[in-house]
Protein backbone atom coordinates (compact mmCIF):
# COMPACT_ATOMS: atom_id res chain seq x y z
CA UNK A 1 -143.26 -71.73 145.70
CA UNK A 2 -140.61 -71.94 143.17
CA UNK A 3 -140.35 -69.23 140.16
CA UNK A 4 -141.84 -71.73 137.80
CA UNK A 5 -145.00 -72.14 139.71
CA UNK A 6 -145.15 -68.55 140.48
CA UNK A 7 -144.78 -67.32 136.81
CA UNK A 8 -147.55 -70.03 135.80
CA UNK A 9 -149.94 -68.77 138.55
CA UNK A 10 -149.44 -65.35 137.16
CA UNK A 11 -150.24 -66.50 133.66
CA UNK A 12 -153.28 -68.24 134.75
CA UNK A 13 -154.40 -65.19 136.36
CA UNK A 14 -153.83 -62.80 133.68
CA UNK A 15 -155.52 -65.20 131.28
CA UNK A 16 -158.70 -65.37 133.33
CA UNK A 17 -158.52 -61.64 133.65
CA UNK A 18 -158.41 -61.05 129.90
CA UNK A 19 -161.53 -63.04 129.43
CA UNK A 20 -164.24 -60.66 127.73
CA UNK A 21 -167.37 -59.48 129.92
CA UNK A 22 -170.64 -58.41 128.55
CA UNK A 23 -173.75 -57.03 130.50
CA UNK A 24 -177.03 -58.51 129.65
CA UNK A 25 -180.22 -57.43 131.31
CA UNK A 26 -183.32 -59.27 131.49
CA UNK A 27 -187.02 -58.94 133.11
CA UNK A 28 -188.30 -61.62 135.67
CA UNK A 29 -190.18 -64.24 133.87
CA UNK A 30 -188.46 -63.80 130.63
CA UNK A 31 -186.50 -66.12 128.61
CA UNK A 32 -182.60 -65.28 128.66
CA UNK A 33 -179.99 -66.38 126.34
CA UNK A 34 -176.18 -66.00 126.82
CA UNK A 35 -174.25 -66.83 123.47
CA UNK A 36 -171.31 -68.94 123.30
CA UNK A 37 -169.70 -70.66 120.19
CA UNK A 38 -166.81 -72.07 118.87
CA UNK A 39 -165.25 -73.46 115.81
CA UNK A 40 -165.73 -76.77 115.41
CA UNK A 41 -163.77 -77.14 112.10
CA UNK A 42 -160.82 -75.57 113.91
CA UNK A 43 -160.96 -77.38 117.39
CA UNK A 44 -163.24 -80.47 116.75
CA UNK A 45 -165.84 -81.40 119.13
CA UNK A 46 -164.51 -80.78 122.81
CA UNK A 47 -165.24 -80.11 126.40
CA UNK A 48 -167.21 -77.34 127.83
CA UNK A 49 -168.89 -76.18 130.70
CA UNK A 50 -171.15 -73.18 131.74
CA UNK A 51 -170.46 -71.77 135.41
CA UNK A 52 -171.64 -69.30 137.69
CA UNK A 53 -169.33 -66.96 139.64
CA UNK A 54 -167.01 -66.71 136.84
CA UNK A 55 -164.35 -69.26 135.70
CA UNK A 56 -161.36 -70.08 137.48
CA UNK A 57 -157.85 -70.90 135.68
CA UNK A 58 -158.75 -74.67 135.23
CA UNK A 59 -162.40 -74.65 135.07
CA UNK A 60 -165.84 -73.39 135.87
CA UNK A 61 -166.85 -72.15 139.22
CA UNK A 62 -169.96 -73.69 140.49
CA UNK A 63 -170.66 -75.71 137.21
CA UNK A 64 -174.47 -75.66 136.13
CA UNK A 65 -174.06 -77.27 132.64
CA UNK A 66 -171.20 -79.63 131.53
CA UNK A 67 -170.90 -80.81 127.69
CA UNK A 68 -168.52 -83.80 126.67
CA UNK A 69 -168.08 -83.62 123.06
CA UNK A 70 -171.59 -83.43 121.53
CA UNK A 71 -173.60 -84.76 124.84
CA UNK A 72 -174.64 -82.75 127.82
CA UNK A 73 -173.29 -84.85 130.72
CA UNK A 74 -174.43 -82.32 133.69
CA UNK A 75 -177.02 -79.61 134.43
CA UNK A 76 -178.14 -78.73 137.61
CA UNK A 77 -181.58 -77.41 136.83
CA UNK A 78 -184.19 -77.83 134.05
CA UNK A 79 -184.26 -74.12 133.51
CA UNK A 80 -180.76 -74.54 132.05
CA UNK A 81 -180.84 -75.56 128.32
CA UNK A 82 -178.83 -75.73 125.45
CA UNK A 83 -180.93 -75.03 122.45
CA UNK A 84 -178.29 -74.67 119.79
CA UNK A 85 -176.55 -77.24 117.54
CA UNK A 86 -173.69 -78.74 120.08
CA UNK A 87 -172.37 -80.58 117.18
CA UNK A 88 -171.91 -77.30 115.14
CA UNK A 89 -170.31 -75.60 118.14
CA UNK A 90 -173.24 -73.66 119.50
CA UNK A 91 -173.15 -74.28 123.45
CA UNK A 92 -175.14 -71.03 124.15
CA UNK A 93 -176.74 -71.22 127.44
CA UNK A 94 -180.94 -70.55 127.89
CA UNK A 95 -182.50 -69.70 130.92
CA UNK A 96 -186.08 -70.01 131.25
CA UNK A 97 -188.33 -67.85 133.77
CA UNK A 98 -185.38 -65.83 135.17
CA UNK A 99 -185.67 -64.57 138.50
CA UNK A 100 -183.64 -61.81 140.50
CA UNK A 101 -181.52 -65.30 142.05
CA UNK A 102 -180.31 -65.55 138.46
CA UNK A 103 -178.35 -62.29 138.92
CA UNK A 104 -174.75 -62.44 138.92
CA UNK A 105 -171.65 -63.39 136.72
CA UNK A 106 -172.04 -66.47 134.34
CA UNK A 107 -168.96 -68.05 132.37
CA UNK A 108 -168.36 -70.17 129.44
CA UNK A 109 -165.47 -72.06 129.41
CA UNK A 110 -164.38 -74.02 126.10
CA UNK A 111 -161.46 -76.46 126.35
CA UNK A 112 -159.12 -75.68 123.34
CA UNK A 113 -155.77 -78.16 123.00
CA UNK A 114 -152.80 -76.17 124.09
CA UNK A 115 -151.51 -73.77 126.71
CA UNK A 116 -153.69 -70.98 127.70
CA UNK A 117 -156.04 -71.84 124.46
CA UNK A 118 -159.24 -72.32 126.12
CA UNK A 119 -161.95 -69.79 125.31
CA UNK A 120 -163.90 -67.91 127.93
CA UNK A 121 -166.79 -65.44 128.11
CA UNK A 122 -168.08 -63.91 131.04
CA UNK A 123 -171.55 -62.25 131.60
CA UNK A 124 -172.91 -60.24 134.05
CA UNK A 125 -176.63 -60.78 134.51
CA UNK A 126 -178.92 -58.15 135.67
CA UNK A 127 -182.94 -59.06 136.21
CA UNK A 128 -185.44 -56.47 136.91
CA UNK A 129 -188.85 -56.95 138.44
CA UNK A 130 -191.63 -56.86 135.90
CA UNK A 131 -193.74 -53.90 135.94
CA UNK A 132 -197.38 -54.02 137.55
CA UNK A 133 -200.35 -54.23 134.85
CA UNK A 134 -202.90 -51.63 135.54
CA UNK A 135 -206.22 -52.45 134.04
CA UNK A 136 -208.29 -49.42 132.81
CA UNK A 137 -211.99 -49.71 131.82
CA UNK A 138 -212.47 -50.08 128.21
CA UNK A 139 -215.03 -47.52 126.92
CA UNK A 140 -217.34 -49.22 124.41
CA UNK A 141 -218.28 -46.57 121.70
CA UNK A 142 -221.75 -47.73 120.08
CA UNK A 143 -222.19 -48.22 116.46
CA UNK A 144 -224.44 -46.07 114.38
CA UNK A 145 -226.79 -48.79 114.00
CA UNK A 146 -227.04 -49.04 117.81
CA UNK A 147 -227.81 -45.60 118.13
CA UNK A 148 -230.61 -45.98 115.41
CA UNK A 149 -232.10 -48.59 117.23
CA UNK A 150 -232.23 -47.07 120.77
CA UNK A 151 -233.54 -44.01 119.19
CA UNK A 152 -236.39 -46.20 117.76
CA UNK A 153 -236.72 -48.01 121.16
CA UNK A 154 -237.03 -44.67 123.16
CA UNK A 155 -239.80 -43.32 120.44
CA UNK A 156 -241.80 -46.65 120.83
CA UNK A 157 -241.64 -46.42 124.54
CA UNK A 158 -243.50 -43.01 124.31
CA UNK A 159 -245.75 -43.55 121.35
CA UNK A 160 -247.42 -47.12 122.42
CA UNK A 161 -248.70 -45.72 125.92
CA UNK A 162 -250.21 -42.65 124.05
CA UNK A 163 -251.80 -44.56 121.55
CA UNK A 164 -253.36 -47.19 124.43
CA UNK A 165 -254.63 -44.06 126.06
CA UNK A 166 -256.27 -42.58 122.79
CA UNK A 167 -257.85 -46.06 121.82
CA UNK A 168 -259.38 -46.17 125.32
CA UNK A 169 -260.87 -42.68 125.10
CA UNK A 170 -262.28 -43.24 121.67
CA UNK A 171 -263.99 -46.64 123.12
CA UNK A 172 -265.00 -45.04 126.05
CA UNK A 173 -266.84 -42.17 123.97
CA UNK A 174 -268.63 -44.47 121.84
CA UNK A 175 -270.00 -46.86 124.57
CA UNK A 176 -271.59 -43.46 126.53
CA UNK A 177 -273.03 -42.30 123.08
CA UNK A 178 -274.96 -45.99 122.78
CA UNK A 179 -275.82 -45.72 126.71
CA UNK A 180 -277.49 -41.94 126.00
CA UNK A 181 -279.07 -43.39 122.90
CA UNK A 182 -281.04 -46.24 125.02
CA UNK A 183 -282.07 -44.13 127.72
CA UNK A 184 -283.49 -41.56 125.16
CA UNK A 185 -287.88 -41.04 125.54
CA UNK A 186 -289.53 -41.66 122.07
CA UNK A 187 -290.67 -38.41 120.32
CA UNK A 188 -294.41 -37.25 120.76
CA UNK A 189 -296.57 -37.05 117.62
CA UNK A 190 -297.93 -33.68 118.76
CA UNK A 191 -301.58 -32.33 119.28
CA UNK A 192 -302.39 -32.44 115.61
CA UNK A 193 -301.81 -36.24 115.27
CA UNK A 194 -303.84 -36.87 118.53
CA UNK A 195 -306.77 -34.82 117.03
CA UNK A 196 -306.87 -36.96 113.72
CA UNK A 197 -306.63 -40.38 116.06
CA UNK A 198 -309.59 -38.87 117.76
CA UNK A 199 -311.55 -38.07 114.66
CA UNK A 200 -310.82 -41.63 112.99
CA UNK A 201 -312.06 -43.20 116.32
CA UNK A 202 -315.29 -41.19 116.48
CA UNK A 203 -316.19 -42.24 112.44
CA UNK A 204 -315.53 -45.72 113.39
CA UNK A 205 -317.78 -45.44 116.31
CA UNK A 206 -320.78 -44.15 113.90
CA UNK A 207 -320.27 -46.76 111.53
CA UNK A 208 -320.80 -49.31 114.17
CA UNK A 209 -323.96 -47.82 115.28
CA UNK A 210 -325.87 -47.48 112.31
């Protein structure tokens, strides 16, 4: 390797190492967005890529999304999406339904004309498992109207049987009294009434004899 190639390699390595790096944390199942933008006014529409395992000196490692000017020309999964306005330089990467397999390094590399002008942004993604959901029984507090209704129902359940018993007792008492009246013997007129009846009969017999 000649001296020129050696120093170019050193410059490339230093340039790649100088790319900013940011930690991004997410939860399994969530949607995660890794920001990346550039100035279209300054650089015009250009080529860019998203890669895993960082960016090499000249391109993205393990390309997952590639953009040529304003069109997405390559994407390795439907979970990777560019939802920003590409024509305005917004090439942020959105990952849907993230999993533990998405952990690691992601790199956004935007090609800018000139020596060592490419824009690179590195992200270290960390995904945590979602906490299990614990269901607790819900305690229902009855409303005042419900309490009144329950109180009324409880009293009704006691009063109705008592009313039925009292009504039955009254009916039985009346029936017994009627039966006793029917069985009671007639009241005698007494000795005086019998004597008067005998005298009357005797007088009638005398008139018949005459």
